[in-house]
Amino acid sequence: MIGLARYAYRPVLLETFVEKPRFTGTCYQAANWQYLGDTQGRGKLDTLHRHDQPIKSIWIYPLTHDFRQQLRKD
């Protein structure tokens, strides 16, 4: 696995963002991804609070059964 060999860590979940006005995320739902919610439609550099980015739905796919516990580790 690339993450383990190169960066000395093993990913525990995958995350993706789906642009809501254009797509519904049906393929992720069919592949057993978990829907977390929606973004606010702001880019990370939006200091003026204009909300000019499209709203996206957030989907995750756990790679291990105890991903929550592993993410809490120091």
PDB file of N, CA and C in Angstrom:
ATOM      1  N   MET A   1       0.845  -1.169   0.000  1.00  0.00           N
ATOM      2  CA  MET A   1       0.000   0.000   0.000  1.00  0.00           C
ATOM      3  C   MET A   1       0.896   1.238   0.000  1.00  0.00           C
ATOM      4  N   ILE A   2       0.616   2.196  -0.853  1.00  0.00           N
ATOM      5  CA  ILE A   2       1.462   3.371  -1.021  1.00  0.00           C
ATOM      6  C   ILE A   2       1.581   4.177   0.267  1.00  0.00           C
ATOM      7  N   GLY A   3       0.485   4.432   0.949  1.00  0.00           N
ATOM      8  CA  GLY A   3       0.522   5.234   2.169  1.00  0.00           C
ATOM      9  C   GLY A   3       1.451   4.652   3.212  1.00  0.00           C
ATOM     10  N   LEU A   4       1.385   3.349   3.420  1.00  0.00           N
ATOM     11  CA  LEU A   4       2.204   2.709   4.443  1.00  0.00           C
ATOM     12  C   LEU A   4       3.682   2.739   4.062  1.00  0.00           C
ATOM     13  N   ALA A   5       3.996   2.405   2.829  1.00  0.00           N
ATOM     14  CA  ALA A   5       5.385   2.335   2.409  1.00  0.00           C
ATOM     15  C   ALA A   5       6.045   3.715   2.345  1.00  0.00           C
ATOM     16  N   ARG A   6       5.337   4.694   1.857  1.00  0.00           N
ATOM     17  CA  ARG A   6       5.948   5.997   1.632  1.00  0.00           C
ATOM     18  C   ARG A   6       5.840   6.950   2.821  1.00  0.00           C
ATOM     19  N   TYR A   7       4.711   6.944   3.495  1.00  0.00           N
ATOM     20  CA  TYR A   7       4.473   7.926   4.548  1.00  0.00           C
ATOM     21  C   TYR A   7       4.377   7.320   5.949  1.00  0.00           C
ATOM     22  N   ALA A   8       4.543   6.033   6.084  1.00  0.00           N
ATOM     23  CA  ALA A   8       4.509   5.319   7.362  1.00  0.00           C
ATOM     24  C   ALA A   8       3.158   5.426   8.061  1.00  0.00           C
ATOM     25  N   TYR A   9       2.083   5.414   7.318  1.00  0.00           N
ATOM     26  CA  TYR A   9       0.742   5.336   7.890  1.00  0.00           C
ATOM     27  C   TYR A   9      -0.159   4.544   6.956  1.00  0.00           C
ATOM     28  N   ARG A  10      -1.227   4.020   7.497  1.00  0.00           N
ATOM     29  CA  ARG A  10      -2.185   3.250   6.713  1.00  0.00           C
ATOM     30  C   ARG A  10      -3.520   3.998   6.751  1.00  0.00           C
ATOM     31  N   PRO A  11      -4.064   4.376   5.594  1.00  0.00           N
ATOM     32  CA  PRO A  11      -5.361   5.066   5.576  1.00  0.00           C
ATOM     33  C   PRO A  11      -6.454   4.202   6.198  1.00  0.00           C
ATOM     34  N   VAL A  12      -7.364   4.825   6.949  1.00  0.00           N
ATOM     35  CA  VAL A  12      -8.450   4.089   7.585  1.00  0.00           C
ATOM     36  C   VAL A  12      -9.805   4.401   6.954  1.00  0.00           C
ATOM     37  N   LEU A  13      -9.882   5.487   6.154  1.00  0.00           N
ATOM     38  CA  LEU A  13     -11.114   5.751   5.415  1.00  0.00           C
ATOM     39  C   LEU A  13     -10.813   6.607   4.196  1.00  0.00           C
ATOM     40  N   LEU A  14     -11.722   6.554   3.231  1.00  0.00           N
ATOM     41  CA  LEU A  14     -11.643   7.388   2.035  1.00  0.00           C
ATOM     42  C   LEU A  14     -12.716   8.454   2.138  1.00  0.00           C
ATOM     43  N   GLU A  15     -12.459   9.613   1.568  1.00  0.00           N
ATOM     44  CA  GLU A  15     -13.409  10.723   1.605  1.00  0.00           C
ATOM     45  C   GLU A  15     -13.521  11.305   0.203  1.00  0.00           C
ATOM     46  N   THR A  16     -14.736  11.656  -0.194  1.00  0.00           N
ATOM     47  CA  THR A  16     -14.927  12.303  -1.487  1.00  0.00           C
ATOM     48  C   THR A  16     -16.037  13.338  -1.378  1.00  0.00           C
ATOM     49  N   PHE A  17     -16.018  14.284  -2.289  1.00  0.00           N
ATOM     50  CA  PHE A  17     -17.010  15.353  -2.335  1.00  0.00           C
ATOM     51  C   PHE A  17     -17.716  15.301  -3.682  1.00  0.00           C
ATOM     52  N   VAL A  18     -19.051  15.385  -3.673  1.00  0.00           N
ATOM     53  CA  VAL A  18     -19.850  15.311  -4.897  1.00  0.00           C
ATOM     54  C   VAL A  18     -20.616  16.619  -5.049  1.00  0.00           C
ATOM     55  N   GLU A  19     -20.455  17.262  -6.192  1.00  0.00           N
ATOM     56  CA  GLU A  19     -21.112  18.537  -6.454  1.00  0.00           C
ATOM     57  C   GLU A  19     -22.619  18.338  -6.590  1.00  0.00           C
ATOM     58  N   LYS A  20     -23.369  18.855  -5.623  1.00  0.00           N
ATOM     59  CA  LYS A  20     -24.814  18.602  -5.552  1.00  0.00           C
ATOM     60  C   LYS A  20     -25.630  19.119  -6.740  1.00  0.00           C
ATOM     61  N   PRO A  21     -25.391  20.322  -7.234  1.00  0.00           N
ATOM     62  CA  PRO A  21     -26.228  20.771  -8.356  1.00  0.00           C
ATOM     63  C   PRO A  21     -26.095  19.895  -9.606  1.00  0.00           C
ATOM     64  N   ARG A  22     -24.975  19.198  -9.733  1.00  0.00           N
ATOM     65  CA  ARG A  22     -24.731  18.399 -10.935  1.00  0.00           C
ATOM     66  C   ARG A  22     -24.959  16.907 -10.737  1.00  0.00           C
ATOM     67  N   PHE A  23     -24.672  16.381  -9.539  1.00  0.00           N
ATOM     68  CA  PHE A  23     -24.710  14.941  -9.307  1.00  0.00           C
ATOM     69  C   PHE A  23     -25.413  14.618  -7.993  1.00  0.00           C
ATOM     70  N   THR A  24     -25.914  13.397  -7.872  1.00  0.00           N
ATOM     71  CA  THR A  24     -26.615  13.000  -6.648  1.00  0.00           C
ATOM     72  C   THR A  24     -25.812  12.044  -5.772  1.00  0.00           C
ATOM     73  N   GLY A  25     -24.752  11.457  -6.291  1.00  0.00           N
ATOM     74  CA  GLY A  25     -23.952  10.521  -5.504  1.00  0.00           C
ATOM     75  C   GLY A  25     -24.522   9.113  -5.480  1.00  0.00           C
ATOM     76  N   THR A  26     -25.361   8.784  -6.447  1.00  0.00           N
ATOM     77  CA  THR A  26     -25.998   7.465  -6.492  1.00  0.00           C
ATOM     78  C   THR A  26     -24.980   6.335  -6.537  1.00  0.00           C
ATOM     79  N   CYS A  27     -23.903   6.509  -7.287  1.00  0.00           N
ATOM     80  CA  CYS A  27     -22.906   5.436  -7.391  1.00  0.00           C
ATOM     81  C   CYS A  27     -22.221   5.193  -6.048  1.00  0.00           C
ATOM     82  N   TYR A  28     -21.996   6.247  -5.266  1.00  0.00           N
ATOM     83  CA  TYR A  28     -21.390   6.073  -3.943  1.00  0.00           C
ATOM     84  C   TYR A  28     -22.356   5.368  -2.996  1.00  0.00           C
ATOM     85  N   GLN A  29     -23.608   5.747  -3.058  1.00  0.00           N
ATOM     86  CA  GLN A  29     -24.618   5.094  -2.220  1.00  0.00           C
ATOM     87  C   GLN A  29     -24.720   3.614  -2.574  1.00  0.00           C
ATOM     88  N   ALA A  30     -24.696   3.297  -3.860  1.00  0.00           N
ATOM     89  CA  ALA A  30     -24.786   1.904  -4.307  1.00  0.00           C
ATOM     90  C   ALA A  30     -23.554   1.095  -3.896  1.00  0.00           C
ATOM     91  N   ALA A  31     -22.422   1.768  -3.749  1.00  0.00           N
ATOM     92  CA  ALA A  31     -21.182   1.085  -3.364  1.00  0.00           C
ATOM     93  C   ALA A  31     -20.969   1.084  -1.850  1.00  0.00           C
ATOM     94  N   ASN A  32     -22.020   1.395  -1.082  1.00  0.00           N
ATOM     95  CA  ASN A  32     -21.999   1.359   0.386  1.00  0.00           C
ATOM     96  C   ASN A  32     -21.125   2.429   1.038  1.00  0.00           C
ATOM     97  N   TRP A  33     -20.942   3.561   0.374  1.00  0.00           N
ATOM     98  CA  TRP A  33     -20.301   4.704   1.016  1.00  0.00           C
ATOM     99  C   TRP A  33     -21.310   5.313   1.976  1.00  0.00           C
ATOM    100  N   GLN A  34     -20.830   6.007   3.002  1.00  0.00           N
ATOM    101  CA  GLN A  34     -21.696   6.630   4.004  1.00  0.00           C
ATOM    102  C   GLN A  34     -21.781   8.134   3.753  1.00  0.00           C
ATOM    103  N   TYR A  35     -23.010   8.634   3.696  1.00  0.00           N
ATOM    104  CA  TYR A  35     -23.247  10.064   3.496  1.00  0.00           C
ATOM    105  C   TYR A  35     -23.093  10.792   4.827  1.00  0.00           C
ATOM    106  N   LEU A  36     -22.261  11.830   4.866  1.00  0.00           N
ATOM    107  CA  LEU A  36     -22.027  12.567   6.110  1.00  0.00           C
ATOM    108  C   LEU A  36     -22.806  13.870   6.193  1.00  0.00           C
ATOM    109  N   GLY A  37     -23.033  14.510   5.068  1.00  0.00           N
ATOM    110  CA  GLY A  37     -23.710  15.802   5.072  1.00  0.00           C
ATOM    111  C   GLY A  37     -23.242  16.639   3.902  1.00  0.00           C
ATOM    112  N   ASP A  38     -23.497  17.940   3.983  1.00  0.00           N
ATOM    113  CA  ASP A  38     -23.162  18.851   2.893  1.00  0.00           C
ATOM    114  C   ASP A  38     -22.175  19.917   3.362  1.00  0.00           C
ATOM    115  N   THR A  39     -21.396  20.429   2.406  1.00  0.00           N
ATOM    116  CA  THR A  39     -20.533  21.564   2.693  1.00  0.00           C
ATOM    117  C   THR A  39     -21.379  22.830   2.711  1.00  0.00           C
ATOM    118  N   GLN A  40     -20.785  23.936   3.112  1.00  0.00           N
ATOM    119  CA  GLN A  40     -21.507  25.200   3.164  1.00  0.00           C
ATOM    120  C   GLN A  40     -21.424  25.975   1.855  1.00  0.00           C
ATOM    121  N   GLY A  41     -20.662  25.484   0.889  1.00  0.00           N
ATOM    122  CA  GLY A  41     -20.520  26.198  -0.370  1.00  0.00           C
ATOM    123  C   GLY A  41     -19.488  27.304  -0.307  1.00  0.00           C
ATOM    124  N   ARG A  42     -18.527  27.135   0.591  1.00  0.00           N
ATOM    125  CA  ARG A  42     -17.457  28.122   0.726  1.00  0.00           C
ATOM    126  C   ARG A  42     -16.134  27.457   0.406  1.00  0.00           C
ATOM    127  N   GLY A  43     -15.269  28.149  -0.290  1.00  0.00           N
ATOM    128  CA  GLY A  43     -13.921  27.659  -0.508  1.00  0.00           C
ATOM    129  C   GLY A  43     -13.084  27.883   0.736  1.00  0.00           C
ATOM    130  N   LYS A  44     -11.966  27.192   0.836  1.00  0.00           N
ATOM    131  CA  LYS A  44     -11.145  27.331   2.046  1.00  0.00           C
ATOM    132  C   LYS A  44     -10.488  28.706   2.155  1.00  0.00           C
ATOM    133  N   LEU A  45     -10.437  29.461   1.063  1.00  0.00           N
ATOM    134  CA  LEU A  45      -9.860  30.802   1.094  1.00  0.00           C
ATOM    135  C   LEU A  45     -10.931  31.888   1.124  1.00  0.00           C
ATOM    136  N   ASP A  46     -12.167  31.532   1.420  1.00  0.00           N
ATOM    137  CA  ASP A  46     -13.280  32.483   1.417  1.00  0.00           C
ATOM    138  C   ASP A  46     -13.298  33.285   2.715  1.00  0.00           C
ATOM    139  N   THR A  47     -12.594  34.404   2.728  1.00  0.00           N
ATOM    140  CA  THR A  47     -12.554  35.247   3.921  1.00  0.00           C
ATOM    141  C   THR A  47     -13.671  36.286   3.923  1.00  0.00           C
ATOM    142  N   LEU A  48     -14.320  36.483   2.780  1.00  0.00           N
ATOM    143  CA  LEU A  48     -15.384  37.486   2.674  1.00  0.00           C
ATOM    144  C   LEU A  48     -16.774  36.890   2.849  1.00  0.00           C
ATOM    145  N   HIS A  49     -16.863  35.581   3.049  1.00  0.00           N
ATOM    146  CA  HIS A  49     -18.131  34.876   3.272  1.00  0.00           C
ATOM    147  C   HIS A  49     -19.120  35.071   2.123  1.00  0.00           C
ATOM    148  N   ARG A  50     -18.644  34.916   0.909  1.00  0.00           N
ATOM    149  CA  ARG A  50     -19.499  35.109  -0.267  1.00  0.00           C
ATOM    150  C   ARG A  50     -20.253  33.845  -0.669  1.00  0.00           C
ATOM    151  N   HIS A  51     -19.796  32.697  -0.234  1.00  0.00           N
ATOM    152  CA  HIS A  51     -20.451  31.419  -0.554  1.00  0.00           C
ATOM    153  C   HIS A  51     -20.616  31.236  -2.066  1.00  0.00           C
ATOM    154  N   ASP A  52     -19.566  31.439  -2.825  1.00  0.00           N
ATOM    155  CA  ASP A  52     -19.685  31.333  -4.274  1.00  0.00           C
ATOM    156  C   ASP A  52     -19.231  29.991  -4.841  1.00  0.00           C
ATOM    157  N   GLN A  53     -18.992  29.019  -3.984  1.00  0.00           N
ATOM    158  CA  GLN A  53     -18.645  27.675  -4.430  1.00  0.00           C
ATOM    159  C   GLN A  53     -19.893  26.800  -4.398  1.00  0.00           C
ATOM    160  N   PRO A  54     -19.978  25.789  -5.266  1.00  0.00           N
ATOM    161  CA  PRO A  54     -21.150  24.905  -5.225  1.00  0.00           C
ATOM    162  C   PRO A  54     -21.183  24.079  -3.939  1.00  0.00           C
ATOM    163  N   ILE A  55     -22.364  23.809  -3.440  1.00  0.00           N
ATOM    164  CA  ILE A  55     -22.529  22.943  -2.272  1.00  0.00           C
ATOM    165  C   ILE A  55     -22.233  21.512  -2.699  1.00  0.00           C
ATOM    166  N   LYS A  56     -21.486  20.802  -1.865  1.00  0.00           N
ATOM    167  CA  LYS A  56     -21.104  19.426  -2.179  1.00  0.00           C
ATOM    168  C   LYS A  56     -21.531  18.501  -1.055  1.00  0.00           C
ATOM    169  N   SER A  57     -21.906  17.288  -1.417  1.00  0.00           N
ATOM    170  CA  SER A  57     -22.202  16.282  -0.401  1.00  0.00           C
ATOM    171  C   SER A  57     -20.905  15.542  -0.073  1.00  0.00           C
ATOM    172  N   ILE A  58     -20.760  15.168   1.189  1.00  0.00           N
ATOM    173  CA  ILE A  58     -19.546  14.519   1.675  1.00  0.00           C
ATOM    174  C   ILE A  58     -19.845  13.041   1.895  1.00  0.00           C
ATOM    175  N   TRP A  59     -19.031  12.176   1.305  1.00  0.00           N
ATOM    176  CA  TRP A  59     -19.185  10.726   1.426  1.00  0.00           C
ATOM    177  C   TRP A  59     -17.882  10.139   1.947  1.00  0.00           C
ATOM    178  N   ILE A  60     -17.985   9.134   2.825  1.00  0.00           N
ATOM    179  CA  ILE A  60     -16.797   8.424   3.307  1.00  0.00           C
ATOM    180  C   ILE A  60     -16.982   6.916   3.110  1.00  0.00           C
ATOM    181  N   TYR A  61     -15.855   6.237   3.006  1.00  0.00           N
ATOM    182  CA  TYR A  61     -15.856   4.779   2.905  1.00  0.00           C
ATOM    183  C   TYR A  61     -14.810   4.244   3.884  1.00  0.00           C
ATOM    184  N   PRO A  62     -15.237   3.667   5.004  1.00  0.00           N
ATOM    185  CA  PRO A  62     -14.291   3.122   5.984  1.00  0.00           C
ATOM    186  C   PRO A  62     -13.528   1.929   5.407  1.00  0.00           C
ATOM    187  N   LEU A  63     -12.233   1.896   5.663  1.00  0.00           N
ATOM    188  CA  LEU A  63     -11.395   0.788   5.213  1.00  0.00           C
ATOM    189  C   LEU A  63     -11.158  -0.234   6.316  1.00  0.00           C
ATOM    190  N   THR A  64     -11.478   0.141   7.553  1.00  0.00           N
ATOM    191  CA  THR A  64     -11.377  -0.771   8.689  1.00  0.00           C
ATOM    192  C   THR A  64     -12.636  -0.643   9.535  1.00  0.00           C
ATOM    193  N   HIS A  65     -12.950  -1.672  10.282  1.00  0.00           N
ATOM    194  CA  HIS A  65     -14.166  -1.648  11.100  1.00  0.00           C
ATOM    195  C   HIS A  65     -14.039  -0.699  12.289  1.00  0.00           C
ATOM    196  N   ASP A  66     -12.813  -0.454  12.751  1.00  0.00           N
ATOM    197  CA  ASP A  66     -12.606   0.413  13.917  1.00  0.00           C
ATOM    198  C   ASP A  66     -11.979   1.759  13.525  1.00  0.00           C
ATOM    199  N   PHE A  67     -12.404   2.311  12.390  1.00  0.00           N
ATOM    200  CA  PHE A  67     -11.795   3.540  11.884  1.00  0.00           C
ATOM    201  C   PHE A  67     -11.957   4.711  12.854  1.00  0.00           C
ATOM    202  N   ARG A  68     -13.076   4.784  13.574  1.00  0.00           N
ATOM    203  CA  ARG A  68     -13.278   5.889  14.529  1.00  0.00           C
ATOM    204  C   ARG A  68     -12.226   5.844  15.637  1.00  0.00           C
ATOM    205  N   GLN A  69     -12.007   4.658  16.157  1.00  0.00           N
ATOM    206  CA  GLN A  69     -11.024   4.487  17.227  1.00  0.00           C
ATOM    207  C   GLN A  69      -9.616   4.817  16.720  1.00  0.00           C
ATOM    208  N   GLN A  70      -9.299   4.397  15.512  1.00  0.00           N
ATOM    209  CA  GLN A  70      -7.974   4.665  14.962  1.00  0.00           C
ATOM    210  C   GLN A  70      -7.759   6.152  14.690  1.00  0.00           C
ATOM    211  N   LEU A  71      -8.807   6.864  14.303  1.00  0.00           N
ATOM    212  CA  LEU A  71      -8.672   8.297  14.053  1.00  0.00           C
ATOM    213  C   LEU A  71      -8.481   9.087  15.345  1.00  0.00           C
ATOM    214  N   ARG A  72      -8.906   8.537  16.468  1.00  0.00           N
ATOM    215  CA  ARG A  72      -8.751   9.213  17.764  1.00  0.00           C
ATOM    216  C   ARG A  72      -7.370   9.013  18.376  1.00  0.00           C
ATOM    217  N   LYS A  73      -6.589   8.088  17.834  1.00  0.00           N
ATOM    218  CA  LYS A  73      -5.256   7.821  18.381  1.00  0.00           C
ATOM    219  C   LYS A  73      -4.350   9.033  18.225  1.00  0.00           C
ATOM    220  N   ASP A  74      -3.393   9.125  19.126  1.00  0.00           N
ATOM    221  CA  ASP A  74      -2.387  10.197  19.022  1.00  0.00           C
ATOM    222  C   ASP A  74      -1.258   9.760  18.137  1.00  0.00           C
TER     223      ASP A  74
END
